Amino acid sequence: MRCLIALILTGIASLTLSEPARAQWRDKKWEVSPFVGYETSGTFTVNPSLASVNVNKLRANGNISFGSFIDYSVTDGAQFEFMWNRNPTSYSEPQLPNPLYLKAFNSDIDQFQFGGLYMFLGPEHKLRPYMAGSVGFTHEFNSGGTANRTDFGYSLGGGLKYYVDRHFGFRADARWMPTYANSSLEIFCDSFFGCFTARVSHYQHRGNFVGGIVFRF
């Protein structure tokens, strides 16, 4: 009986002490997380109808990326998020019949994403893994007389946040970030409907891996 009473009292004390911690967590709604990292290369075919002969391709080269996350907490685990990511890089193209890629023009690629994330562990934990997703657009400011582009993009990924205290922490984030490149008409065939033509969208697929500092207020 004494053991049972001790366990009950311990549980009550634990809940009593954890509630102020959660209240303290809730009074800090905003997070700003500047980051720096690396964005991988990504290739797309300029003219998809010629993809079978491997011509007219462009490749955004991998390079440093930097930017910031801005998050707003709606629950202890869920946050709305805006992400700006800049990748100062260049595009290259193959010189057929040689498969070697040569630089074509410079490009500053800005990705603007609106979405959210969910953290799997509660605010009593310092280390909090999360999953994230967003939609937005990608803007390219291109040199050498190449036209600028603005296209639809989205992201899927996740990461880790480590909170040193209520005001400060660290963050690591990994994202798959496709951007719409173009579309083409393609023929599909099946045993029920026969062959038909449909428009297919093509995306430039890149990965972004960053780390940063979290400021909470």
N, C-alpha and C. Protein backbone atom coordinates (compact mmCIF):
# COMPACT_ATOMS: atom_id res chain seq x y z
N MET A 1 0.83 -1.20 0.00
CA MET A 1 0.00 0.00 0.00
C MET A 1 0.87 1.26 0.00
N ARG A 2 1.92 1.25 0.83
CA ARG A 2 2.81 2.42 0.88
C ARG A 2 3.50 2.65 -0.46
N CYS A 3 3.85 1.53 -1.14
CA CYS A 3 4.48 1.66 -2.47
C CYS A 3 3.52 2.28 -3.46
N LEU A 4 2.23 1.89 -3.39
CA LEU A 4 1.24 2.43 -4.31
C LEU A 4 1.05 3.92 -4.08
N ILE A 5 0.97 4.32 -2.81
CA ILE A 5 0.82 5.75 -2.49
C ILE A 5 2.02 6.54 -2.97
N ALA A 6 3.22 5.95 -2.80
CA ALA A 6 4.44 6.63 -3.25
C ALA A 6 4.44 6.81 -4.75
N LEU A 7 3.98 5.79 -5.49
CA LEU A 7 3.91 5.89 -6.95
C LEU A 7 2.92 6.95 -7.39
N ILE A 8 1.77 7.01 -6.73
CA ILE A 8 0.75 8.02 -7.07
C ILE A 8 1.28 9.42 -6.82
N LEU A 9 1.93 9.61 -5.66
CA LEU A 9 2.48 10.92 -5.34
C LEU A 9 3.58 11.32 -6.33
N THR A 10 4.38 10.34 -6.72
CA THR A 10 5.44 10.61 -7.70
C THR A 10 4.84 11.04 -9.04
N GLY A 11 3.76 10.36 -9.47
CA GLY A 11 3.10 10.72 -10.72
C GLY A 11 2.51 12.10 -10.67
N ILE A 12 1.85 12.43 -9.54
CA ILE A 12 1.26 13.77 -9.40
C ILE A 12 2.35 14.83 -9.44
N ALA A 13 3.46 14.58 -8.76
CA ALA A 13 4.55 15.55 -8.76
C ALA A 13 5.13 15.73 -10.15
N SER A 14 5.24 14.61 -10.89
CA SER A 14 5.78 14.69 -12.25
C SER A 14 4.89 15.52 -13.14
N LEU A 15 3.57 15.30 -13.07
CA LEU A 15 2.63 16.09 -13.87
C LEU A 15 2.66 17.56 -13.48
N THR A 16 2.77 17.81 -12.17
CA THR A 16 2.78 19.19 -11.68
C THR A 16 4.00 19.94 -12.17
N LEU A 17 5.15 19.24 -12.20
CA LEU A 17 6.38 19.89 -12.63
C LEU A 17 6.46 20.04 -14.14
N SER A 18 5.83 19.09 -14.88
CA SER A 18 5.90 19.15 -16.34
C SER A 18 4.99 20.22 -16.91
N GLU A 19 3.90 20.56 -16.23
CA GLU A 19 2.96 21.55 -16.76
C GLU A 19 3.59 22.93 -16.89
N PRO A 20 4.36 23.43 -15.89
CA PRO A 20 5.04 24.70 -16.09
C PRO A 20 6.00 24.67 -17.27
N ALA A 21 6.66 23.52 -17.50
CA ALA A 21 7.58 23.42 -18.64
C ALA A 21 6.81 23.57 -19.94
N ARG A 22 5.64 22.93 -20.01
CA ARG A 22 4.82 23.05 -21.23
C ARG A 22 4.31 24.48 -21.38
N ALA A 23 3.91 25.10 -20.27
CA ALA A 23 3.44 26.49 -20.34
C ALA A 23 4.56 27.40 -20.81
N GLN A 24 5.77 27.15 -20.31
CA GLN A 24 6.90 27.96 -20.75
C GLN A 24 7.16 27.75 -22.23
N TRP A 25 6.96 26.51 -22.70
CA TRP A 25 7.15 26.24 -24.13
C TRP A 25 6.14 27.03 -24.96
N ARG A 26 4.88 27.04 -24.51
CA ARG A 26 3.83 27.68 -25.30
C ARG A 26 4.00 29.19 -25.38
N ASP A 27 4.68 29.81 -24.39
CA ASP A 27 4.80 31.26 -24.44
C ASP A 27 5.87 31.71 -25.44
N LYS A 28 6.57 30.76 -26.07
CA LYS A 28 7.53 31.08 -27.12
C LYS A 28 6.97 30.53 -28.44
N LYS A 29 6.30 31.38 -29.20
CA LYS A 29 5.59 30.93 -30.40
C LYS A 29 6.46 30.94 -31.65
N TRP A 30 7.41 31.85 -31.74
CA TRP A 30 8.15 32.06 -32.99
C TRP A 30 9.56 31.47 -32.92
N GLU A 31 10.01 30.99 -34.06
CA GLU A 31 11.39 30.55 -34.22
C GLU A 31 11.94 31.11 -35.53
N VAL A 32 13.15 31.62 -35.48
CA VAL A 32 13.88 32.04 -36.68
C VAL A 32 15.18 31.25 -36.71
N SER A 33 15.42 30.56 -37.82
CA SER A 33 16.57 29.65 -37.91
C SER A 33 17.38 29.91 -39.18
N PRO A 34 18.35 30.82 -39.13
CA PRO A 34 19.25 30.98 -40.28
C PRO A 34 20.08 29.71 -40.45
N PHE A 35 20.36 29.36 -41.72
CA PHE A 35 21.07 28.11 -41.98
C PHE A 35 22.03 28.26 -43.14
N VAL A 36 22.94 27.29 -43.25
CA VAL A 36 23.85 27.18 -44.38
C VAL A 36 24.06 25.69 -44.64
N GLY A 37 24.31 25.32 -45.91
CA GLY A 37 24.49 23.92 -46.24
C GLY A 37 24.88 23.71 -47.69
N TYR A 38 24.35 22.65 -48.27
CA TYR A 38 24.72 22.26 -49.63
C TYR A 38 23.48 21.76 -50.36
N GLU A 39 23.31 22.24 -51.61
CA GLU A 39 22.22 21.76 -52.47
C GLU A 39 22.83 20.99 -53.63
N THR A 40 22.32 19.79 -53.86
CA THR A 40 22.89 18.90 -54.87
C THR A 40 22.57 19.38 -56.28
N SER A 41 23.19 18.75 -57.26
CA SER A 41 22.90 19.05 -58.66
C SER A 41 21.56 18.42 -59.06
N GLY A 42 20.99 18.92 -60.16
CA GLY A 42 19.75 18.38 -60.69
C GLY A 42 19.65 18.65 -62.17
N THR A 43 19.28 17.64 -62.97
CA THR A 43 19.27 17.73 -64.42
C THR A 43 17.84 17.62 -64.96
N PHE A 44 17.56 18.35 -66.01
CA PHE A 44 16.29 18.17 -66.72
C PHE A 44 16.53 18.34 -68.22
N THR A 45 15.64 17.76 -69.02
CA THR A 45 15.72 17.83 -70.46
C THR A 45 14.95 19.05 -70.95
N VAL A 46 15.61 19.91 -71.70
CA VAL A 46 14.98 21.14 -72.18
C VAL A 46 13.84 20.81 -73.13
N ASN A 47 14.05 19.84 -74.01
CA ASN A 47 13.02 19.41 -74.94
C ASN A 47 12.72 17.94 -74.68
N PRO A 48 11.68 17.64 -73.86
CA PRO A 48 11.42 16.25 -73.48
C PRO A 48 11.17 15.32 -74.67
N SER A 49 10.70 15.84 -75.80
CA SER A 49 10.43 14.98 -76.95
C SER A 49 11.71 14.39 -77.52
N LEU A 50 12.87 14.98 -77.18
CA LEU A 50 14.15 14.49 -77.67
C LEU A 50 14.94 13.75 -76.59
N ALA A 51 14.26 13.40 -75.48
CA ALA A 51 14.96 12.78 -74.37
C ALA A 51 15.61 11.46 -74.76
N SER A 52 15.04 10.75 -75.74
CA SER A 52 15.56 9.44 -76.10
C SER A 52 16.94 9.51 -76.74
N VAL A 53 17.30 10.67 -77.29
CA VAL A 53 18.62 10.80 -77.90
C VAL A 53 19.56 11.63 -77.02
N ASN A 54 19.10 11.93 -75.78
CA ASN A 54 19.97 12.53 -74.77
C ASN A 54 20.57 13.87 -75.22
N VAL A 55 19.71 14.78 -75.71
CA VAL A 55 20.19 16.09 -76.11
C VAL A 55 19.41 17.16 -75.36
N ASN A 56 19.92 18.40 -75.48
CA ASN A 56 19.24 19.56 -74.92
C ASN A 56 19.00 19.45 -73.41
N LYS A 57 19.97 18.96 -72.68
CA LYS A 57 19.84 18.87 -71.23
C LYS A 57 20.54 20.04 -70.55
N LEU A 58 20.01 20.40 -69.39
CA LEU A 58 20.64 21.39 -68.53
C LEU A 58 20.79 20.80 -67.13
N ARG A 59 21.89 21.16 -66.47
CA ARG A 59 22.12 20.67 -65.11
C ARG A 59 22.46 21.84 -64.20
N ALA A 60 21.67 22.01 -63.16
CA ALA A 60 22.02 22.95 -62.10
C ALA A 60 23.08 22.29 -61.24
N ASN A 61 24.22 22.91 -61.13
CA ASN A 61 25.34 22.30 -60.42
C ASN A 61 25.19 22.43 -58.90
N GLY A 62 25.66 21.42 -58.20
CA GLY A 62 25.61 21.47 -56.75
C GLY A 62 26.52 22.56 -56.20
N ASN A 63 26.05 23.23 -55.15
CA ASN A 63 26.85 24.31 -54.56
C ASN A 63 26.29 24.64 -53.18
N ILE A 64 26.93 25.57 -52.51
CA ILE A 64 26.50 26.03 -51.20
C ILE A 64 25.07 26.58 -51.26
N SER A 65 24.33 26.42 -50.18
CA SER A 65 23.01 27.04 -50.06
C SER A 65 22.92 27.70 -48.69
N PHE A 66 22.09 28.74 -48.60
CA PHE A 66 21.90 29.43 -47.33
C PHE A 66 20.53 30.09 -47.33
N GLY A 67 20.04 30.42 -46.15
CA GLY A 67 18.72 31.04 -46.05
C GLY A 67 18.22 31.01 -44.62
N SER A 68 16.90 30.86 -44.46
CA SER A 68 16.33 30.87 -43.13
C SER A 68 14.97 30.18 -43.11
N PHE A 69 14.67 29.54 -41.97
CA PHE A 69 13.32 29.06 -41.65
C PHE A 69 12.68 30.07 -40.70
N ILE A 70 11.38 30.29 -40.87
CA ILE A 70 10.58 31.04 -39.90
C ILE A 70 9.41 30.16 -39.52
N ASP A 71 9.30 29.82 -38.22
CA ASP A 71 8.27 28.90 -37.75
C ASP A 71 7.36 29.56 -36.72
N TYR A 72 6.08 29.14 -36.75
CA TYR A 72 5.11 29.60 -35.76
C TYR A 72 4.43 28.37 -35.16
N SER A 73 4.52 28.21 -33.84
CA SER A 73 3.97 27.03 -33.17
C SER A 73 2.46 27.16 -33.00
N VAL A 74 1.73 26.13 -33.43
CA VAL A 74 0.27 26.08 -33.23
C VAL A 74 -0.10 25.08 -32.15
N THR A 75 0.76 24.08 -31.90
CA THR A 75 0.64 23.16 -30.77
C THR A 75 2.05 22.90 -30.24
N ASP A 76 2.17 22.02 -29.25
CA ASP A 76 3.49 21.68 -28.73
C ASP A 76 4.37 21.00 -29.77
N GLY A 77 3.73 20.36 -30.78
CA GLY A 77 4.51 19.63 -31.77
C GLY A 77 4.40 20.12 -33.20
N ALA A 78 3.37 20.89 -33.52
CA ALA A 78 3.12 21.31 -34.90
C ALA A 78 3.46 22.78 -35.09
N GLN A 79 4.05 23.08 -36.24
CA GLN A 79 4.43 24.45 -36.57
C GLN A 79 4.12 24.75 -38.03
N PHE A 80 3.61 25.96 -38.28
CA PHE A 80 3.60 26.49 -39.64
C PHE A 80 5.01 26.98 -39.95
N GLU A 81 5.40 26.85 -41.25
CA GLU A 81 6.79 27.20 -41.57
C GLU A 81 6.91 27.88 -42.94
N PHE A 82 7.76 28.90 -42.98
CA PHE A 82 8.20 29.51 -44.23
C PHE A 82 9.69 29.26 -44.38
N MET A 83 10.11 28.90 -45.59
CA MET A 83 11.52 28.67 -45.84
C MET A 83 11.96 29.46 -47.07
N TRP A 84 13.07 30.19 -46.91
CA TRP A 84 13.75 30.81 -48.05
C TRP A 84 15.12 30.17 -48.17
N ASN A 85 15.44 29.68 -49.35
CA ASN A 85 16.71 29.02 -49.60
C ASN A 85 17.33 29.59 -50.88
N ARG A 86 18.56 30.10 -50.78
CA ARG A 86 19.27 30.61 -51.95
C ARG A 86 20.44 29.70 -52.30
N ASN A 87 20.59 29.44 -53.61
CA ASN A 87 21.66 28.59 -54.12
C ASN A 87 22.37 29.34 -55.25
N PRO A 88 23.49 30.03 -54.95
CA PRO A 88 24.25 30.70 -56.01
C PRO A 88 25.07 29.66 -56.77
N THR A 89 24.69 29.36 -57.99
CA THR A 89 25.29 28.24 -58.70
C THR A 89 25.42 28.57 -60.18
N SER A 90 25.53 27.56 -60.99
CA SER A 90 25.60 27.72 -62.45
C SER A 90 24.93 26.53 -63.11
N TYR A 91 24.56 26.70 -64.38
CA TYR A 91 24.02 25.61 -65.19
C TYR A 91 25.09 25.14 -66.16
N SER A 92 25.10 23.84 -66.41
CA SER A 92 25.99 23.25 -67.41
C SER A 92 25.17 22.44 -68.40
N GLU A 93 25.74 22.20 -69.58
CA GLU A 93 25.07 21.41 -70.61
C GLU A 93 26.08 20.47 -71.26
N PRO A 94 25.61 19.30 -71.75
CA PRO A 94 26.54 18.34 -72.36
C PRO A 94 26.97 18.80 -73.75
N GLN A 95 28.17 18.45 -74.11
CA GLN A 95 28.70 18.77 -75.44
C GLN A 95 28.78 17.48 -76.25
N LEU A 96 27.66 17.13 -76.89
CA LEU A 96 27.58 15.87 -77.64
C LEU A 96 28.52 15.89 -78.84
N PRO A 97 29.08 14.74 -79.24
CA PRO A 97 28.83 13.41 -78.65
C PRO A 97 29.58 13.15 -77.36
N ASN A 98 30.40 14.10 -76.90
CA ASN A 98 31.11 13.96 -75.63
C ASN A 98 30.11 14.17 -74.49
N PRO A 99 29.99 13.24 -73.54
CA PRO A 99 29.02 13.40 -72.44
C PRO A 99 29.46 14.41 -71.38
N LEU A 100 30.65 15.00 -71.53
CA LEU A 100 31.15 15.96 -70.55
C LEU A 100 30.27 17.21 -70.52
N TYR A 101 29.93 17.67 -69.31
CA TYR A 101 29.14 18.89 -69.15
C TYR A 101 30.08 20.09 -69.06
N LEU A 102 29.73 21.17 -69.77
CA LEU A 102 30.47 22.42 -69.70
C LEU A 102 29.54 23.54 -69.23
N LYS A 103 30.12 24.52 -68.52
CA LYS A 103 29.33 25.61 -67.97
C LYS A 103 28.62 26.39 -69.06
N ALA A 104 27.32 26.67 -68.84
CA ALA A 104 26.51 27.43 -69.79
C ALA A 104 26.25 28.85 -69.31
N PHE A 105 25.84 29.02 -68.05
CA PHE A 105 25.58 30.35 -67.49
C PHE A 105 25.47 30.25 -65.98
N ASN A 106 25.64 31.39 -65.31
CA ASN A 106 25.47 31.46 -63.85
C ASN A 106 24.00 31.65 -63.51
N SER A 107 23.63 31.24 -62.30
CA SER A 107 22.24 31.38 -61.87
C SER A 107 22.18 31.49 -60.35
N ASP A 108 21.40 32.46 -59.85
CA ASP A 108 21.05 32.54 -58.44
C ASP A 108 19.65 31.97 -58.29
N ILE A 109 19.54 30.83 -57.61
CA ILE A 109 18.26 30.13 -57.50
C ILE A 109 17.69 30.35 -56.11
N ASP A 110 16.54 30.99 -56.03
CA ASP A 110 15.85 31.23 -54.76
C ASP A 110 14.61 30.34 -54.70
N GLN A 111 14.48 29.61 -53.59
CA GLN A 111 13.31 28.76 -53.37
C GLN A 111 12.52 29.30 -52.18
N PHE A 112 11.24 29.57 -52.40
CA PHE A 112 10.34 30.09 -51.38
C PHE A 112 9.27 29.03 -51.12
N GLN A 113 9.20 28.55 -49.88
CA GLN A 113 8.31 27.44 -49.56
C GLN A 113 7.44 27.77 -48.35
N PHE A 114 6.17 27.36 -48.42
CA PHE A 114 5.22 27.57 -47.33
C PHE A 114 4.65 26.20 -46.94
N GLY A 115 4.75 25.87 -45.65
CA GLY A 115 4.27 24.55 -45.24
C GLY A 115 4.26 24.40 -43.75
N GLY A 116 4.67 23.23 -43.27
CA GLY A 116 4.65 22.98 -41.85
C GLY A 116 5.52 21.80 -41.49
N LEU A 117 5.65 21.59 -40.18
CA LEU A 117 6.41 20.44 -39.68
C LEU A 117 5.75 19.92 -38.42
N TYR A 118 6.06 18.64 -38.13
CA TYR A 118 5.55 18.03 -36.91
C TYR A 118 6.70 17.36 -36.18
N MET A 119 6.88 17.71 -34.90
CA MET A 119 7.92 17.13 -34.06
C MET A 119 7.36 15.94 -33.29
N PHE A 120 8.09 14.83 -33.25
CA PHE A 120 7.58 13.58 -32.71
C PHE A 120 7.64 13.50 -31.19
N LEU A 121 8.56 14.22 -30.56
CA LEU A 121 8.69 14.19 -29.10
C LEU A 121 8.20 15.50 -28.51
N GLY A 122 7.79 15.44 -27.26
CA GLY A 122 7.23 16.60 -26.59
C GLY A 122 8.28 17.61 -26.16
N PRO A 123 7.82 18.78 -25.66
CA PRO A 123 8.74 19.87 -25.29
C PRO A 123 9.61 19.55 -24.08
N GLU A 124 9.32 18.46 -23.37
CA GLU A 124 10.20 18.08 -22.27
C GLU A 124 11.51 17.47 -22.77
N HIS A 125 11.59 17.15 -24.07
CA HIS A 125 12.80 16.60 -24.67
C HIS A 125 13.61 17.71 -25.32
N LYS A 126 14.92 17.67 -25.15
CA LYS A 126 15.78 18.64 -25.81
C LYS A 126 15.98 18.31 -27.29
N LEU A 127 16.11 17.02 -27.61
CA LEU A 127 16.30 16.58 -28.99
C LEU A 127 14.96 16.16 -29.56
N ARG A 128 14.54 16.83 -30.66
CA ARG A 128 13.20 16.59 -31.21
C ARG A 128 13.28 16.36 -32.72
N PRO A 129 13.16 15.10 -33.16
CA PRO A 129 13.10 14.82 -34.60
C PRO A 129 11.77 15.28 -35.18
N TYR A 130 11.75 15.59 -36.47
CA TYR A 130 10.52 16.07 -37.10
C TYR A 130 10.46 15.65 -38.57
N MET A 131 9.25 15.69 -39.10
CA MET A 131 9.03 15.56 -40.54
C MET A 131 8.43 16.87 -41.03
N ALA A 132 8.69 17.19 -42.32
CA ALA A 132 8.26 18.49 -42.83
C ALA A 132 7.87 18.38 -44.30
N GLY A 133 7.03 19.30 -44.73
CA GLY A 133 6.62 19.38 -46.14
C GLY A 133 6.16 20.78 -46.46
N SER A 134 6.25 21.17 -47.73
CA SER A 134 5.88 22.53 -48.11
C SER A 134 5.65 22.62 -49.62
N VAL A 135 5.00 23.68 -50.03
CA VAL A 135 4.83 23.99 -51.45
C VAL A 135 5.19 25.45 -51.65
N GLY A 136 5.56 25.82 -52.87
CA GLY A 136 5.93 27.21 -53.13
C GLY A 136 6.39 27.39 -54.55
N PHE A 137 7.43 28.20 -54.73
CA PHE A 137 7.92 28.46 -56.08
C PHE A 137 9.42 28.69 -56.04
N THR A 138 10.04 28.50 -57.20
CA THR A 138 11.47 28.68 -57.38
C THR A 138 11.72 29.75 -58.42
N HIS A 139 12.58 30.72 -58.08
CA HIS A 139 12.91 31.79 -59.03
C HIS A 139 14.39 31.69 -59.38
N GLU A 140 14.68 31.73 -60.68
CA GLU A 140 16.06 31.73 -61.17
C GLU A 140 16.40 33.08 -61.76
N PHE A 141 17.48 33.69 -61.28
CA PHE A 141 18.01 34.92 -61.87
C PHE A 141 19.24 34.51 -62.66
N ASN A 142 19.11 34.44 -63.98
CA ASN A 142 20.13 33.85 -64.85
C ASN A 142 20.95 34.92 -65.56
N SER A 143 22.22 34.61 -65.81
CA SER A 143 23.13 35.52 -66.49
C SER A 143 23.26 35.13 -67.97
N GLY A 144 24.06 35.90 -68.70
CA GLY A 144 24.38 35.56 -70.08
C GLY A 144 23.23 35.69 -71.05
N GLY A 145 22.25 36.52 -70.74
CA GLY A 145 21.12 36.69 -71.64
C GLY A 145 20.09 35.59 -71.55
N THR A 146 20.28 34.62 -70.67
CA THR A 146 19.30 33.55 -70.48
C THR A 146 18.11 34.08 -69.70
N ALA A 147 16.91 33.76 -70.15
CA ALA A 147 15.70 34.28 -69.51
C ALA A 147 15.58 33.78 -68.07
N ASN A 148 15.12 34.65 -67.18
CA ASN A 148 14.82 34.24 -65.81
C ASN A 148 13.60 33.33 -65.80
N ARG A 149 13.49 32.52 -64.75
CA ARG A 149 12.37 31.59 -64.65
C ARG A 149 11.77 31.66 -63.25
N THR A 150 10.45 31.45 -63.19
CA THR A 150 9.75 31.27 -61.92
C THR A 150 8.81 30.08 -62.10
N ASP A 151 9.00 29.02 -61.31
CA ASP A 151 8.24 27.79 -61.49
C ASP A 151 7.78 27.24 -60.15
N PHE A 152 6.77 26.38 -60.21
CA PHE A 152 6.24 25.71 -59.03
C PHE A 152 7.27 24.75 -58.44
N GLY A 153 7.32 24.66 -57.12
CA GLY A 153 8.19 23.71 -56.45
C GLY A 153 7.57 23.23 -55.15
N TYR A 154 8.09 22.14 -54.62
CA TYR A 154 7.64 21.66 -53.33
C TYR A 154 8.80 20.95 -52.62
N SER A 155 8.59 20.57 -51.37
CA SER A 155 9.65 19.90 -50.63
C SER A 155 9.06 18.87 -49.67
N LEU A 156 9.82 17.81 -49.43
CA LEU A 156 9.50 16.79 -48.44
C LEU A 156 10.80 16.43 -47.72
N GLY A 157 10.71 16.26 -46.40
CA GLY A 157 11.92 15.89 -45.69
C GLY A 157 11.71 15.86 -44.19
N GLY A 158 12.78 16.10 -43.48
CA GLY A 158 12.73 16.07 -42.03
C GLY A 158 14.07 16.47 -41.45
N GLY A 159 14.17 16.32 -40.13
CA GLY A 159 15.42 16.70 -39.50
C GLY A 159 15.36 16.56 -38.00
N LEU A 160 16.24 17.29 -37.35
CA LEU A 160 16.36 17.27 -35.89
C LEU A 160 16.50 18.69 -35.37
N LYS A 161 15.85 18.96 -34.24
CA LYS A 161 16.08 20.20 -33.50
C LYS A 161 16.61 19.83 -32.12
N TYR A 162 17.62 20.54 -31.69
CA TYR A 162 18.15 20.36 -30.34
C TYR A 162 18.06 21.70 -29.61
N TYR A 163 17.23 21.74 -28.55
CA TYR A 163 17.01 22.97 -27.82
C TYR A 163 17.93 23.03 -26.60
N VAL A 164 18.86 23.96 -26.60
CA VAL A 164 19.74 24.17 -25.46
C VAL A 164 18.93 24.71 -24.28
N ASP A 165 18.05 25.68 -24.56
CA ASP A 165 17.12 26.20 -23.56
C ASP A 165 15.89 26.71 -24.30
N ARG A 166 15.05 27.48 -23.62
CA ARG A 166 13.80 27.95 -24.23
C ARG A 166 14.01 28.98 -25.33
N HIS A 167 15.19 29.55 -25.41
CA HIS A 167 15.44 30.63 -26.35
C HIS A 167 16.39 30.28 -27.49
N PHE A 168 17.10 29.16 -27.36
CA PHE A 168 18.22 28.92 -28.27
C PHE A 168 18.36 27.42 -28.55
N GLY A 169 18.74 27.10 -29.81
CA GLY A 169 18.95 25.70 -30.16
C GLY A 169 19.67 25.56 -31.49
N PHE A 170 19.76 24.33 -31.93
CA PHE A 170 20.40 24.00 -33.21
C PHE A 170 19.45 23.15 -34.04
N ARG A 171 19.66 23.19 -35.36
CA ARG A 171 18.76 22.47 -36.26
C ARG A 171 19.53 21.89 -37.44
N ALA A 172 19.19 20.64 -37.81
CA ALA A 172 19.70 20.00 -39.02
C ALA A 172 18.50 19.58 -39.86
N ASP A 173 18.54 19.88 -41.16
CA ASP A 173 17.38 19.65 -42.03
C ASP A 173 17.83 19.05 -43.35
N ALA A 174 17.08 18.06 -43.85
CA ALA A 174 17.35 17.44 -45.15
C ALA A 174 16.06 17.43 -45.95
N ARG A 175 16.11 17.93 -47.18
CA ARG A 175 14.90 18.04 -48.01
C ARG A 175 15.13 17.52 -49.42
N TRP A 176 14.11 16.88 -49.97
CA TRP A 176 13.98 16.62 -51.41
C TRP A 176 13.15 17.77 -51.96
N MET A 177 13.70 18.52 -52.96
CA MET A 177 13.08 19.76 -53.40
C MET A 177 12.91 19.79 -54.92
N PRO A 178 11.90 19.11 -55.46
CA PRO A 178 11.65 19.15 -56.91
C PRO A 178 11.10 20.51 -57.34
N THR A 179 11.51 20.93 -58.54
CA THR A 179 10.98 22.14 -59.17
C THR A 179 10.49 21.79 -60.58
N TYR A 180 9.31 22.28 -60.93
CA TYR A 180 8.76 22.04 -62.26
C TYR A 180 9.71 22.57 -63.33
N ALA A 181 9.96 21.75 -64.35
CA ALA A 181 10.85 22.16 -65.45
C ALA A 181 10.09 22.41 -66.73
N ASN A 182 9.26 21.45 -67.17
CA ASN A 182 8.48 21.58 -68.39
C ASN A 182 7.51 20.40 -68.48
N SER A 183 6.81 20.30 -69.57
CA SER A 183 5.87 19.19 -69.77
C SER A 183 5.92 18.75 -71.23
N SER A 184 5.40 17.56 -71.49
CA SER A 184 5.37 17.04 -72.85
C SER A 184 4.20 16.09 -72.99
N LEU A 185 3.78 15.86 -74.25
CA LEU A 185 2.74 14.89 -74.55
C LEU A 185 3.38 13.51 -74.72
N GLU A 186 2.83 12.54 -74.00
CA GLU A 186 3.35 11.19 -74.09
C GLU A 186 2.21 10.20 -74.30
N ILE A 187 2.53 9.09 -74.94
CA ILE A 187 1.53 8.07 -75.27
C ILE A 187 1.59 6.96 -74.21
N PHE A 188 0.40 6.61 -73.69
CA PHE A 188 0.28 5.53 -72.72
C PHE A 188 -0.67 4.47 -73.28
N CYS A 189 -0.37 3.23 -73.01
CA CYS A 189 -1.20 2.12 -73.50
C CYS A 189 -1.48 1.15 -72.37
N ASP A 190 -2.73 0.66 -72.30
CA ASP A 190 -3.07 -0.43 -71.38
C ASP A 190 -4.11 -1.33 -72.04
N SER A 191 -4.37 -2.47 -71.40
CA SER A 191 -5.24 -3.50 -71.99
C SER A 191 -6.71 -3.14 -71.94
N PHE A 192 -7.09 -2.14 -71.12
CA PHE A 192 -8.50 -1.80 -70.99
C PHE A 192 -8.91 -0.64 -71.89
N PHE A 193 -8.08 0.41 -71.93
CA PHE A 193 -8.47 1.63 -72.67
C PHE A 193 -7.68 1.82 -73.96
N GLY A 194 -6.76 0.92 -74.25
CA GLY A 194 -5.95 1.08 -75.44
C GLY A 194 -4.90 2.16 -75.25
N CYS A 195 -4.52 2.83 -76.31
CA CYS A 195 -3.49 3.87 -76.24
C CYS A 195 -4.12 5.26 -76.24
N PHE A 196 -3.56 6.15 -75.47
CA PHE A 196 -4.06 7.52 -75.39
C PHE A 196 -2.89 8.45 -75.11
N THR A 197 -3.09 9.73 -75.41
CA THR A 197 -2.05 10.74 -75.21
C THR A 197 -2.39 11.59 -74.00
N ALA A 198 -1.42 11.84 -73.16
CA ALA A 198 -1.61 12.66 -71.96
C ALA A 198 -0.40 13.56 -71.77
N ARG A 199 -0.64 14.70 -71.15
CA ARG A 199 0.46 15.63 -70.86
C ARG A 199 1.12 15.24 -69.55
N VAL A 200 2.43 15.16 -69.55
CA VAL A 200 3.20 14.74 -68.38
C VAL A 200 4.12 15.87 -67.95
N SER A 201 4.12 16.18 -66.65
CA SER A 201 5.00 17.21 -66.12
C SER A 201 6.35 16.61 -65.76
N HIS A 202 7.42 17.37 -66.01
CA HIS A 202 8.77 16.93 -65.71
C HIS A 202 9.38 17.89 -64.69
N TYR A 203 10.08 17.30 -63.71
CA TYR A 203 10.64 18.08 -62.61
C TYR A 203 12.16 17.93 -62.54
N GLN A 204 12.78 18.98 -62.06
CA GLN A 204 14.20 18.94 -61.74
C GLN A 204 14.32 18.58 -60.26
N HIS A 205 14.98 17.46 -59.98
CA HIS A 205 15.03 16.94 -58.61
C HIS A 205 16.37 17.27 -57.96
N ARG A 206 16.30 17.94 -56.81
CA ARG A 206 17.52 18.31 -56.07
C ARG A 206 17.33 18.02 -54.59
N GLY A 207 18.43 17.80 -53.89
CA GLY A 207 18.40 17.62 -52.45
C GLY A 207 19.09 18.77 -51.76
N ASN A 208 18.60 19.15 -50.58
CA ASN A 208 19.18 20.26 -49.83
C ASN A 208 19.45 19.80 -48.40
N PHE A 209 20.70 19.97 -47.95
CA PHE A 209 21.12 19.51 -46.63
C PHE A 209 21.76 20.69 -45.89
N VAL A 210 21.12 21.12 -44.79
CA VAL A 210 21.55 22.34 -44.12
C VAL A 210 21.58 22.16 -42.60
N GLY A 211 22.31 23.06 -41.94
CA GLY A 211 22.33 23.14 -40.51
C GLY A 211 22.29 24.60 -40.08
N GLY A 212 21.67 24.86 -38.94
CA GLY A 212 21.55 26.25 -38.51
C GLY A 212 21.32 26.41 -37.02
N ILE A 213 21.07 27.64 -36.64
CA ILE A 213 20.83 28.02 -35.24
C ILE A 213 19.38 28.44 -35.08
N VAL A 214 18.75 28.00 -34.00
CA VAL A 214 17.35 28.32 -33.71
C VAL A 214 17.28 29.41 -32.66
N PHE A 215 16.55 30.49 -32.97
CA PHE A 215 16.27 31.55 -32.00
C PHE A 215 14.77 31.54 -31.73
N ARG A 216 14.37 31.37 -30.46
CA ARG A 216 12.96 31.29 -30.08
C ARG A 216 12.55 32.54 -29.30
N PHE A 217 11.35 33.04 -29.62
CA PHE A 217 10.83 34.19 -28.88
C PHE A 217 9.32 34.21 -28.93
